[in-house]
Amino acid sequence: MKIYTKRGDKGQTSLFGGTTIPKNSARIHAYGTVDELNSVLGIALSNPVSRRGSDILNDIQEQLFVLGADLATLPSKKSKIERIGSTQIKQLEGWIDELDEQLPDLTSFILPGGSAQGAALHLARTVCRRAERHTVELKTSEPVSDDAVIYLNRLSDLLFVLARFENREAGNQETKWLPRS
């Protein structure tokens, strides 16, 4: 099987189910940004992440493939895989609660950074927020499940908590943002 097909050379691509759409459509922006997020998580995993963080991130990468396929399949088409739903959202919430209870309370905003893995997770959080914005934008014109938006919202929260957790595990202090007077 060749990697290149030449089918997209004129700015079109096919969704799962065969529908052809322009490569600059809101749907492509949404699932393309989910794909970018998954790659950023790969960068985070290339750093010395804790065992717990690695387990969580590996599960999230699998879920992001499901979400990408969900967004690449029109709701009117039968999906060959499950769609993101309440089970995955509850799992994210469980991980947030588990990790957050091990961290000191936030008393101010913190600057993104710290360890290499913490910084990569902060970057992943911002890419996740962009994926969420693109998905919300898509939802204004085409059917998209509410769960896709909720999932991305929870995931960005988890990535923030996980960045803090990994920085703590690496022995890095958080840098508080203190507004100048």
C-alpha atoms as a PDB file:
ATOM      1  CA  MET A   1       0.000   0.000   0.000  1.00  0.00           C
ATOM      2  CA  LYS A   2       1.432   3.373  -0.993  1.00  0.00           C
ATOM      3  CA  ILE A   3       1.405   6.214   1.507  1.00  0.00           C
ATOM      4  CA  TYR A   4       0.441   8.787  -1.095  1.00  0.00           C
ATOM      5  CA  THR A   5      -2.857   8.461  -2.947  1.00  0.00           C
ATOM      6  CA  LYS A   6      -2.974  11.801  -4.806  1.00  0.00           C
ATOM      7  CA  ARG A   7      -6.692  12.017  -3.971  1.00  0.00           C
ATOM      8  CA  GLY A   8      -6.130  15.136  -1.843  1.00  0.00           C
ATOM      9  CA  ASP A   9      -4.053  17.047  -4.374  1.00  0.00           C
ATOM     10  CA  LYS A  10      -6.911  19.404  -5.225  1.00  0.00           C
ATOM     11  CA  GLY A  11      -7.701  20.389  -1.634  1.00  0.00           C
ATOM     12  CA  GLN A  12     -10.381  17.773  -0.932  1.00  0.00           C
ATOM     13  CA  THR A  13     -10.382  14.841   1.470  1.00  0.00           C
ATOM     14  CA  SER A  14     -12.758  12.022   2.296  1.00  0.00           C
ATOM     15  CA  LEU A  15     -14.420  11.429   5.627  1.00  0.00           C
ATOM     16  CA  PHE A  16     -15.152   7.976   6.987  1.00  0.00           C
ATOM     17  CA  GLY A  17     -18.203   6.878   5.035  1.00  0.00           C
ATOM     18  CA  GLY A  18     -16.946   8.402   1.785  1.00  0.00           C
ATOM     19  CA  THR A  19     -18.223  11.985   1.905  1.00  0.00           C
ATOM     20  CA  THR A  20     -15.741  14.370   0.229  1.00  0.00           C
ATOM     21  CA  ILE A  21     -15.172  17.794   1.817  1.00  0.00           C
ATOM     22  CA  PRO A  22     -12.652  20.649   1.468  1.00  0.00           C
ATOM     23  CA  LYS A  23      -9.494  20.290   3.560  1.00  0.00           C
ATOM     24  CA  ASN A  24     -10.122  23.712   5.115  1.00  0.00           C
ATOM     25  CA  SER A  25     -13.573  22.813   6.486  1.00  0.00           C
ATOM     26  CA  ALA A  26     -14.479  23.222  10.149  1.00  0.00           C
ATOM     27  CA  ARG A  27     -14.672  19.421  10.489  1.00  0.00           C
ATOM     28  CA  ILE A  28     -11.092  18.997   9.254  1.00  0.00           C
ATOM     29  CA  HIS A  29      -9.901  21.768  11.595  1.00  0.00           C
ATOM     30  CA  ALA A  30     -11.574  19.970  14.520  1.00  0.00           C
ATOM     31  CA  TYR A  31     -10.236  16.470  13.962  1.00  0.00           C
ATOM     32  CA  GLY A  32      -6.920  17.730  12.605  1.00  0.00           C
ATOM     33  CA  THR A  33      -6.323  19.594  15.847  1.00  0.00           C
ATOM     34  CA  VAL A  34      -7.226  16.455  17.818  1.00  0.00           C
ATOM     35  CA  ASP A  35      -4.545  14.671  15.771  1.00  0.00           C
ATOM     36  CA  GLU A  36      -2.073  17.478  16.564  1.00  0.00           C
ATOM     37  CA  LEU A  37      -2.934  17.121  20.255  1.00  0.00           C
ATOM     38  CA  ASN A  38      -2.194  13.410  20.092  1.00  0.00           C
ATOM     39  CA  SER A  39       1.228  14.190  18.606  1.00  0.00           C
ATOM     40  CA  VAL A  40       1.971  16.696  21.371  1.00  0.00           C
ATOM     41  CA  LEU A  41       1.097  13.990  23.902  1.00  0.00           C
ATOM     42  CA  GLY A  42       3.647  11.801  22.107  1.00  0.00           C
ATOM     43  CA  ILE A  43       6.227  14.530  22.774  1.00  0.00           C
ATOM     44  CA  ALA A  44       5.207  14.595  26.438  1.00  0.00           C
ATOM     45  CA  LEU A  45       5.623  10.814  26.606  1.00  0.00           C
ATOM     46  CA  SER A  46       9.121  11.061  25.106  1.00  0.00           C
ATOM     47  CA  ASN A  47      10.164  12.769  28.353  1.00  0.00           C
ATOM     48  CA  PRO A  48      10.619  10.998  31.695  1.00  0.00           C
ATOM     49  CA  VAL A  49       6.943  10.871  32.685  1.00  0.00           C
ATOM     50  CA  SER A  50       5.851   9.156  35.904  1.00  0.00           C
ATOM     51  CA  ARG A  51       4.410   5.653  35.653  1.00  0.00           C
ATOM     52  CA  ARG A  52       0.922   6.967  36.498  1.00  0.00           C
ATOM     53  CA  GLY A  53       1.236   9.794  33.991  1.00  0.00           C
ATOM     54  CA  SER A  54       2.392   7.365  31.301  1.00  0.00           C
ATOM     55  CA  ASP A  55      -0.558   5.041  31.930  1.00  0.00           C
ATOM     56  CA  ILE A  56      -3.027   7.929  31.731  1.00  0.00           C
ATOM     57  CA  LEU A  57      -1.452   9.478  28.630  1.00  0.00           C
ATOM     58  CA  ASN A  58      -1.393   6.152  26.793  1.00  0.00           C
ATOM     59  CA  ASP A  59      -5.117   5.729  27.490  1.00  0.00           C
ATOM     60  CA  ILE A  60      -5.785   9.298  26.345  1.00  0.00           C
ATOM     61  CA  GLN A  61      -3.897   8.737  23.092  1.00  0.00           C
ATOM     62  CA  GLU A  62      -6.156   5.749  22.380  1.00  0.00           C
ATOM     63  CA  GLN A  63      -9.234   7.844  23.216  1.00  0.00           C
ATOM     64  CA  LEU A  64      -8.062  10.655  20.930  1.00  0.00           C
ATOM     65  CA  PHE A  65      -8.000   8.221  18.007  1.00  0.00           C
ATOM     66  CA  VAL A  66     -11.615   7.392  18.840  1.00  0.00           C
ATOM     67  CA  LEU A  67     -12.500  11.090  19.083  1.00  0.00           C
ATOM     68  CA  GLY A  68     -10.750  11.863  15.788  1.00  0.00           C
ATOM     69  CA  ALA A  69     -12.619   9.054  14.060  1.00  0.00           C
ATOM     70  CA  ASP A  70     -15.846  10.284  15.686  1.00  0.00           C
ATOM     71  CA  LEU A  71     -15.300  13.788  14.298  1.00  0.00           C
ATOM     72  CA  ALA A  72     -14.291  12.368  10.893  1.00  0.00           C
ATOM     73  CA  THR A  73     -17.564  10.454  10.631  1.00  0.00           C
ATOM     74  CA  LEU A  74     -20.763  12.337   9.898  1.00  0.00           C
ATOM     75  CA  PRO A  75     -23.334  11.622  12.631  1.00  0.00           C
ATOM     76  CA  SER A  76     -25.696  10.300   9.948  1.00  0.00           C
ATOM     77  CA  LYS A  77     -23.175   7.572   9.003  1.00  0.00           C
ATOM     78  CA  LYS A  78     -22.741   4.334  10.910  1.00  0.00           C
ATOM     79  CA  SER A  79     -19.436   4.449  12.770  1.00  0.00           C
ATOM     80  CA  LYS A  80     -17.194   1.380  12.770  1.00  0.00           C
ATOM     81  CA  ILE A  81     -15.898   2.284  16.228  1.00  0.00           C
ATOM     82  CA  GLU A  82     -17.546   3.538  19.385  1.00  0.00           C
ATOM     83  CA  ARG A  83     -17.963   7.262  19.760  1.00  0.00           C
ATOM     84  CA  ILE A  84     -16.631   9.296  22.675  1.00  0.00           C
ATOM     85  CA  GLY A  85     -19.190   9.305  25.459  1.00  0.00           C
ATOM     86  CA  SER A  86     -19.934   9.575  29.136  1.00  0.00           C
ATOM     87  CA  THR A  87     -17.711   6.607  30.049  1.00  0.00           C
ATOM     88  CA  GLN A  88     -14.579   8.386  28.801  1.00  0.00           C
ATOM     89  CA  ILE A  89     -15.681  11.704  30.321  1.00  0.00           C
ATOM     90  CA  LYS A  90     -16.176  10.074  33.726  1.00  0.00           C
ATOM     91  CA  GLN A  91     -12.752   8.451  33.412  1.00  0.00           C
ATOM     92  CA  LEU A  92     -11.160  11.871  32.799  1.00  0.00           C
ATOM     93  CA  GLU A  93     -12.978  13.278  35.830  1.00  0.00           C
ATOM     94  CA  GLY A  94     -11.745  10.381  37.953  1.00  0.00           C
ATOM     95  CA  TRP A  95      -8.150  10.999  36.907  1.00  0.00           C
ATOM     96  CA  ILE A  96      -8.516  14.737  37.612  1.00  0.00           C
ATOM     97  CA  ASP A  97      -9.809  14.029  41.124  1.00  0.00           C
ATOM     98  CA  GLU A  98      -7.132  11.374  41.775  1.00  0.00           C
ATOM     99  CA  LEU A  99      -4.217  13.611  40.759  1.00  0.00           C
ATOM    100  CA  ASP A 100      -5.578  16.889  42.107  1.00  0.00           C
ATOM    101  CA  GLU A 101      -5.960  15.534  45.634  1.00  0.00           C
ATOM    102  CA  GLN A 102      -2.196  14.865  45.631  1.00  0.00           C
ATOM    103  CA  LEU A 103      -1.326  18.466  44.703  1.00  0.00           C
ATOM    104  CA  PRO A 104      -1.157  21.632  46.779  1.00  0.00           C
ATOM    105  CA  ASP A 105      -4.116  23.987  46.428  1.00  0.00           C
ATOM    106  CA  LEU A 106      -3.766  26.672  43.809  1.00  0.00           C
ATOM    107  CA  THR A 107      -3.554  30.129  45.358  1.00  0.00           C
ATOM    108  CA  SER A 108      -2.657  32.005  42.168  1.00  0.00           C
ATOM    109  CA  PHE A 109      -2.257  31.479  38.458  1.00  0.00           C
ATOM    110  CA  ILE A 110       0.873  29.578  37.484  1.00  0.00           C
ATOM    111  CA  LEU A 111       3.075  30.058  34.458  1.00  0.00           C
ATOM    112  CA  PRO A 112       3.283  27.101  32.077  1.00  0.00           C
ATOM    113  CA  GLY A 113       6.638  25.353  32.178  1.00  0.00           C
ATOM    114  CA  GLY A 114       8.665  23.493  34.759  1.00  0.00           C
ATOM    115  CA  SER A 115      10.090  20.161  33.689  1.00  0.00           C
ATOM    116  CA  ALA A 116      10.223  19.111  30.036  1.00  0.00           C
ATOM    117  CA  GLN A 117       7.252  16.792  30.593  1.00  0.00           C
ATOM    118  CA  GLY A 118       5.302  19.461  32.481  1.00  0.00           C
ATOM    119  CA  ALA A 119       5.938  22.040  29.764  1.00  0.00           C
ATOM    120  CA  ALA A 120       4.889  19.554  27.051  1.00  0.00           C
ATOM    121  CA  LEU A 121       1.653  18.882  28.943  1.00  0.00           C
ATOM    122  CA  HIS A 122       0.961  22.613  29.247  1.00  0.00           C
ATOM    123  CA  LEU A 123       1.455  22.848  25.470  1.00  0.00           C
ATOM    124  CA  ALA A 124      -0.905  19.883  25.030  1.00  0.00           C
ATOM    125  CA  ARG A 125      -3.477  21.724  27.173  1.00  0.00           C
ATOM    126  CA  THR A 126      -3.414  24.730  24.858  1.00  0.00           C
ATOM    127  CA  VAL A 127      -3.714  22.547  21.751  1.00  0.00           C
ATOM    128  CA  CYS A 128      -6.627  20.768  23.445  1.00  0.00           C
ATOM    129  CA  ARG A 129      -8.350  24.117  24.035  1.00  0.00           C
ATOM    130  CA  ARG A 130      -7.915  24.915  20.326  1.00  0.00           C
ATOM    131  CA  ALA A 131      -9.392  21.521  19.396  1.00  0.00           C
ATOM    132  CA  GLU A 132     -12.316  22.336  21.673  1.00  0.00           C
ATOM    133  CA  ARG A 133     -12.812  25.743  20.012  1.00  0.00           C
ATOM    134  CA  HIS A 134     -12.748  24.162  16.541  1.00  0.00           C
ATOM    135  CA  THR A 135     -15.222  21.500  17.643  1.00  0.00           C
ATOM    136  CA  VAL A 136     -17.559  24.126  19.094  1.00  0.00           C
ATOM    137  CA  GLU A 137     -17.249  26.095  15.841  1.00  0.00           C
ATOM    138  CA  LEU A 138     -18.102  22.944  13.863  1.00  0.00           C
ATOM    139  CA  LYS A 139     -21.100  22.369  16.127  1.00  0.00           C
ATOM    140  CA  THR A 140     -22.558  25.756  15.137  1.00  0.00           C
ATOM    141  CA  SER A 141     -23.025  24.554  11.551  1.00  0.00           C
ATOM    142  CA  GLU A 142     -23.061  20.740  11.614  1.00  0.00           C
ATOM    143  CA  PRO A 143     -24.194  18.026  13.998  1.00  0.00           C
ATOM    144  CA  VAL A 144     -21.533  17.083  16.552  1.00  0.00           C
ATOM    145  CA  SER A 145     -22.128  15.176  19.754  1.00  0.00           C
ATOM    146  CA  ASP A 146     -22.248  17.167  22.967  1.00  0.00           C
ATOM    147  CA  ASP A 147     -19.918  14.536  24.438  1.00  0.00           C
ATOM    148  CA  ALA A 148     -17.125  15.474  22.008  1.00  0.00           C
ATOM    149  CA  VAL A 149     -17.122  19.048  23.324  1.00  0.00           C
ATOM    150  CA  ILE A 150     -17.445  17.952  26.965  1.00  0.00           C
ATOM    151  CA  TYR A 151     -14.616  15.436  26.515  1.00  0.00           C
ATOM    152  CA  LEU A 152     -12.233  18.090  25.174  1.00  0.00           C
ATOM    153  CA  ASN A 153     -13.205  20.483  27.962  1.00  0.00           C
ATOM    154  CA  ARG A 154     -12.467  17.860  30.637  1.00  0.00           C
ATOM    155  CA  LEU A 155      -9.303  16.753  28.888  1.00  0.00           C
ATOM    156  CA  SER A 156      -7.832  20.256  28.992  1.00  0.00           C
ATOM    157  CA  ASP A 157      -8.529  20.332  32.738  1.00  0.00           C
ATOM    158  CA  LEU A 158      -6.838  16.958  33.144  1.00  0.00           C
ATOM    159  CA  LEU A 159      -3.801  18.075  31.137  1.00  0.00           C
ATOM    160  CA  PHE A 160      -3.432  21.108  33.432  1.00  0.00           C
ATOM    161  CA  VAL A 161      -3.581  18.912  36.540  1.00  0.00           C
ATOM    162  CA  LEU A 162      -1.290  16.326  34.958  1.00  0.00           C
ATOM    163  CA  ALA A 163       1.278  19.039  34.080  1.00  0.00           C
ATOM    164  CA  ARG A 164       1.260  20.135  37.730  1.00  0.00           C
ATOM    165  CA  PHE A 165       1.522  16.505  38.868  1.00  0.00           C
ATOM    166  CA  GLU A 166       4.449  15.741  36.555  1.00  0.00           C
ATOM    167  CA  ASN A 167       6.265  18.917  37.605  1.00  0.00           C
ATOM    168  CA  ARG A 168       5.867  17.897  41.232  1.00  0.00           C
ATOM    169  CA  GLU A 169       7.063  14.357  40.457  1.00  0.00           C
ATOM    170  CA  ALA A 170      10.124  15.839  38.721  1.00  0.00           C
ATOM    171  CA  GLY A 171      10.845  18.083  41.717  1.00  0.00           C
ATOM    172  CA  ASN A 172      10.068  21.326  39.889  1.00  0.00           C
ATOM    173  CA  GLN A 173       8.479  24.235  41.700  1.00  0.00           C
ATOM    174  CA  GLU A 174       5.559  25.985  40.038  1.00  0.00           C
ATOM    175  CA  THR A 175       6.183  29.579  39.048  1.00  0.00           C
ATOM    176  CA  LYS A 176       3.353  31.769  40.284  1.00  0.00           C
ATOM    177  CA  TRP A 177       2.134  34.545  38.041  1.00  0.00           C
ATOM    178  CA  LEU A 178       2.141  37.750  40.037  1.00  0.00           C
ATOM    179  CA  PRO A 179       0.653  40.750  38.251  1.00  0.00           C
ATOM    180  CA  ARG A 180       2.812  43.837  38.235  1.00  0.00           C
ATOM    181  CA  SER A 181       1.382  46.772  40.135  1.00  0.00           C
END
